[in-house]
Amino acid sequence: MGELGPQELSGAAEVSNGALCQIGAKDIQWVQSYVAGDKTFCIYLATDRAAIEKHAELSGFPASNITEIVTVIDPTTAA
């Protein structure tokens, strides 16, 4: 995906949004994605792993590694 232009990225976002609509906003929300070379890292708020797997199935985008985030820290954590 790293070599895709704005039109291709827009198209990918449209496909993703369509899959999200099919699943429903109560189960999954796409926060953002990071494109790094030939990999894409997507951040979701989801009720469970199955919602992300369903999104991958409907959109055609692989979810080869799903990691649950259990704790978030940021610069204010030090205070």
N, C-alpha and C. Protein backbone atom coordinates (compact mmCIF):
# COMPACT_ATOMS: atom_id res chain seq x y z
N MET A 1 0.81 -1.20 0.00
CA MET A 1 0.00 0.00 0.00
C MET A 1 0.85 1.26 0.00
N GLY A 2 2.11 1.16 0.40
CA GLY A 2 2.96 2.33 0.51
C GLY A 2 3.16 3.06 -0.80
N GLU A 3 2.96 2.38 -1.92
CA GLU A 3 3.15 3.00 -3.22
C GLU A 3 1.84 3.45 -3.84
N LEU A 4 0.76 3.33 -3.13
CA LEU A 4 -0.53 3.75 -3.66
C LEU A 4 -0.66 5.26 -3.59
N GLY A 5 -1.32 5.82 -4.59
CA GLY A 5 -1.55 7.25 -4.62
C GLY A 5 -2.83 7.62 -3.90
N PRO A 6 -3.12 8.92 -3.88
CA PRO A 6 -4.31 9.40 -3.18
C PRO A 6 -5.61 8.75 -3.65
N GLN A 7 -5.76 8.54 -4.95
CA GLN A 7 -7.00 7.93 -5.46
C GLN A 7 -7.15 6.49 -4.98
N GLU A 8 -6.07 5.73 -5.00
CA GLU A 8 -6.13 4.34 -4.55
C GLU A 8 -6.40 4.26 -3.05
N LEU A 9 -5.78 5.14 -2.29
CA LEU A 9 -6.02 5.16 -0.84
C LEU A 9 -7.45 5.56 -0.54
N SER A 10 -7.97 6.50 -1.30
CA SER A 10 -9.37 6.90 -1.14
C SER A 10 -10.30 5.73 -1.44
N GLY A 11 -9.99 4.99 -2.49
CA GLY A 11 -10.79 3.82 -2.84
C GLY A 11 -10.74 2.76 -1.75
N ALA A 12 -9.57 2.55 -1.18
CA ALA A 12 -9.43 1.57 -0.10
C ALA A 12 -10.26 2.01 1.11
N ALA A 13 -10.24 3.31 1.42
CA ALA A 13 -11.03 3.82 2.53
C ALA A 13 -12.53 3.64 2.27
N GLU A 14 -12.96 3.84 1.03
CA GLU A 14 -14.36 3.62 0.68
C GLU A 14 -14.77 2.17 0.89
N VAL A 15 -13.92 1.24 0.46
CA VAL A 15 -14.20 -0.18 0.65
C VAL A 15 -14.30 -0.50 2.14
N SER A 16 -13.36 0.03 2.92
CA SER A 16 -13.36 -0.20 4.36
C SER A 16 -14.62 0.36 5.00
N ASN A 17 -14.99 1.59 4.63
CA ASN A 17 -16.19 2.21 5.18
C ASN A 17 -17.44 1.41 4.84
N GLY A 18 -17.50 0.86 3.63
CA GLY A 18 -18.64 0.04 3.25
C GLY A 18 -18.75 -1.20 4.12
N ALA A 19 -17.63 -1.83 4.39
CA ALA A 19 -17.63 -3.01 5.26
C ALA A 19 -18.05 -2.63 6.67
N LEU A 20 -17.57 -1.50 7.15
CA LEU A 20 -17.94 -1.04 8.49
C LEU A 20 -19.45 -0.81 8.60
N CYS A 21 -20.03 -0.24 7.57
CA CYS A 21 -21.48 -0.01 7.56
C CYS A 21 -22.25 -1.32 7.64
N GLN A 22 -21.75 -2.34 6.97
CA GLN A 22 -22.41 -3.64 7.00
C GLN A 22 -22.36 -4.26 8.40
N ILE A 23 -21.26 -4.04 9.10
CA ILE A 23 -21.09 -4.63 10.44
C ILE A 23 -21.89 -3.86 11.48
N GLY A 24 -21.84 -2.55 11.41
CA GLY A 24 -22.57 -1.71 12.36
C GLY A 24 -21.65 -0.99 13.32
N ALA A 25 -21.97 0.27 13.57
CA ALA A 25 -21.13 1.15 14.38
C ALA A 25 -21.04 0.71 15.84
N LYS A 26 -21.98 -0.07 16.32
CA LYS A 26 -21.91 -0.49 17.72
C LYS A 26 -20.84 -1.55 17.95
N ASP A 27 -20.40 -2.23 16.88
CA ASP A 27 -19.44 -3.31 17.01
C ASP A 27 -18.01 -2.93 16.65
N ILE A 28 -17.84 -1.94 15.76
CA ILE A 28 -16.48 -1.61 15.31
C ILE A 28 -16.43 -0.18 14.80
N GLN A 29 -15.32 0.49 15.11
CA GLN A 29 -15.06 1.84 14.61
C GLN A 29 -13.62 1.89 14.14
N TRP A 30 -13.41 2.35 12.93
CA TRP A 30 -12.07 2.52 12.38
C TRP A 30 -11.54 3.86 12.85
N VAL A 31 -10.43 3.88 13.57
CA VAL A 31 -9.86 5.11 14.08
C VAL A 31 -8.94 5.73 13.04
N GLN A 32 -7.93 4.97 12.60
CA GLN A 32 -7.02 5.41 11.55
C GLN A 32 -6.11 4.27 11.16
N SER A 33 -5.39 4.48 10.08
CA SER A 33 -4.42 3.48 9.63
C SER A 33 -3.10 4.16 9.32
N TYR A 34 -2.03 3.40 9.48
CA TYR A 34 -0.69 3.87 9.17
C TYR A 34 -0.14 3.01 8.04
N VAL A 35 0.35 3.64 6.99
CA VAL A 35 0.93 2.93 5.87
C VAL A 35 2.45 3.04 6.00
N ALA A 36 3.11 1.89 6.07
CA ALA A 36 4.56 1.84 6.24
C ALA A 36 5.12 0.84 5.25
N GLY A 37 5.64 1.34 4.14
CA GLY A 37 6.17 0.45 3.12
C GLY A 37 5.08 -0.44 2.56
N ASP A 38 5.27 -1.74 2.67
CA ASP A 38 4.29 -2.67 2.11
C ASP A 38 3.32 -3.18 3.17
N LYS A 39 3.26 -2.51 4.33
CA LYS A 39 2.36 -2.92 5.41
C LYS A 39 1.45 -1.78 5.81
N THR A 40 0.29 -2.15 6.30
CA THR A 40 -0.65 -1.18 6.82
C THR A 40 -1.05 -1.60 8.23
N PHE A 41 -1.00 -0.67 9.16
CA PHE A 41 -1.38 -0.92 10.54
C PHE A 41 -2.65 -0.14 10.83
N CYS A 42 -3.72 -0.85 11.17
CA CYS A 42 -5.02 -0.21 11.37
C CYS A 42 -5.39 -0.23 12.85
N ILE A 43 -5.95 0.87 13.30
CA ILE A 43 -6.39 1.01 14.68
C ILE A 43 -7.93 1.01 14.68
N TYR A 44 -8.50 0.09 15.44
CA TYR A 44 -9.95 -0.02 15.57
C TYR A 44 -10.36 0.01 17.03
N LEU A 45 -11.55 0.50 17.28
CA LEU A 45 -12.24 0.28 18.54
C LEU A 45 -13.28 -0.77 18.20
N ALA A 46 -13.20 -1.93 18.83
CA ALA A 46 -14.09 -3.02 18.47
C ALA A 46 -14.54 -3.77 19.71
N THR A 47 -15.74 -4.34 19.62
CA THR A 47 -16.27 -5.10 20.74
C THR A 47 -15.48 -6.38 20.98
N ASP A 48 -14.94 -6.94 19.91
CA ASP A 48 -14.16 -8.16 20.03
C ASP A 48 -13.37 -8.42 18.75
N ARG A 49 -12.55 -9.44 18.80
CA ARG A 49 -11.70 -9.84 17.67
C ARG A 49 -12.54 -10.21 16.45
N ALA A 50 -13.68 -10.82 16.70
CA ALA A 50 -14.55 -11.27 15.60
C ALA A 50 -15.01 -10.10 14.73
N ALA A 51 -15.23 -8.94 15.32
CA ALA A 51 -15.65 -7.77 14.54
C ALA A 51 -14.55 -7.35 13.57
N ILE A 52 -13.31 -7.41 14.00
CA ILE A 52 -12.19 -7.06 13.13
C ILE A 52 -12.02 -8.11 12.04
N GLU A 53 -12.16 -9.37 12.41
CA GLU A 53 -12.08 -10.45 11.42
C GLU A 53 -13.19 -10.33 10.39
N LYS A 54 -14.39 -9.94 10.81
CA LYS A 54 -15.51 -9.75 9.89
C LYS A 54 -15.21 -8.60 8.94
N HIS A 55 -14.64 -7.52 9.45
CA HIS A 55 -14.26 -6.39 8.61
C HIS A 55 -13.26 -6.84 7.55
N ALA A 56 -12.27 -7.61 7.95
CA ALA A 56 -11.26 -8.11 7.01
C ALA A 56 -11.92 -8.96 5.92
N GLU A 57 -12.85 -9.81 6.33
CA GLU A 57 -13.55 -10.67 5.37
C GLU A 57 -14.37 -9.86 4.37
N LEU A 58 -15.14 -8.90 4.87
CA LEU A 58 -16.01 -8.11 4.00
C LEU A 58 -15.23 -7.15 3.10
N SER A 59 -14.15 -6.59 3.61
CA SER A 59 -13.40 -5.59 2.84
C SER A 59 -12.39 -6.22 1.89
N GLY A 60 -11.97 -7.45 2.20
CA GLY A 60 -10.95 -8.09 1.39
C GLY A 60 -9.54 -7.69 1.79
N PHE A 61 -9.41 -6.95 2.89
CA PHE A 61 -8.10 -6.56 3.40
C PHE A 61 -7.70 -7.56 4.48
N PRO A 62 -6.51 -8.14 4.40
CA PRO A 62 -6.12 -9.15 5.39
C PRO A 62 -5.89 -8.55 6.78
N ALA A 63 -6.24 -9.31 7.77
CA ALA A 63 -5.93 -8.96 9.16
C ALA A 63 -5.06 -10.09 9.69
N SER A 64 -3.80 -10.07 9.28
CA SER A 64 -2.90 -11.19 9.57
C SER A 64 -2.43 -11.22 11.02
N ASN A 65 -2.53 -10.10 11.72
CA ASN A 65 -2.10 -10.07 13.11
C ASN A 65 -2.98 -9.07 13.86
N ILE A 66 -3.79 -9.56 14.78
CA ILE A 66 -4.67 -8.70 15.58
C ILE A 66 -4.13 -8.69 17.00
N THR A 67 -3.87 -7.49 17.51
CA THR A 67 -3.32 -7.33 18.85
C THR A 67 -4.26 -6.49 19.69
N GLU A 68 -4.72 -7.03 20.80
CA GLU A 68 -5.56 -6.26 21.72
C GLU A 68 -4.68 -5.35 22.56
N ILE A 69 -5.07 -4.09 22.64
CA ILE A 69 -4.36 -3.12 23.46
C ILE A 69 -5.06 -3.07 24.82
N VAL A 70 -4.32 -3.38 25.88
CA VAL A 70 -4.95 -3.44 27.20
C VAL A 70 -4.66 -2.19 28.05
N THR A 71 -3.60 -1.46 27.73
CA THR A 71 -3.25 -0.26 28.46
C THR A 71 -2.64 0.74 27.49
N VAL A 72 -3.00 2.00 27.68
CA VAL A 72 -2.44 3.07 26.86
C VAL A 72 -1.67 4.02 27.77
N ILE A 73 -0.46 4.36 27.37
CA ILE A 73 0.30 5.39 28.07
C ILE A 73 0.66 6.48 27.09
N ASP A 74 0.91 7.66 27.61
CA ASP A 74 1.32 8.79 26.79
C ASP A 74 2.18 9.70 27.65
N PRO A 75 2.63 10.84 27.14
CA PRO A 75 3.53 11.68 27.93
C PRO A 75 2.93 12.11 29.28
N THR A 76 1.62 12.22 29.39
CA THR A 76 1.02 12.64 30.65
C THR A 76 1.05 11.55 31.71
N THR A 77 1.33 10.31 31.32
CA THR A 77 1.44 9.21 32.28
C THR A 77 2.56 9.47 33.28
N ALA A 78 3.58 10.18 32.87
CA ALA A 78 4.73 10.47 33.74
C ALA A 78 4.40 11.44 34.86
N ALA A 79 3.36 12.18 34.72
CA ALA A 79 3.01 13.21 35.72
C ALA A 79 2.46 12.64 36.99
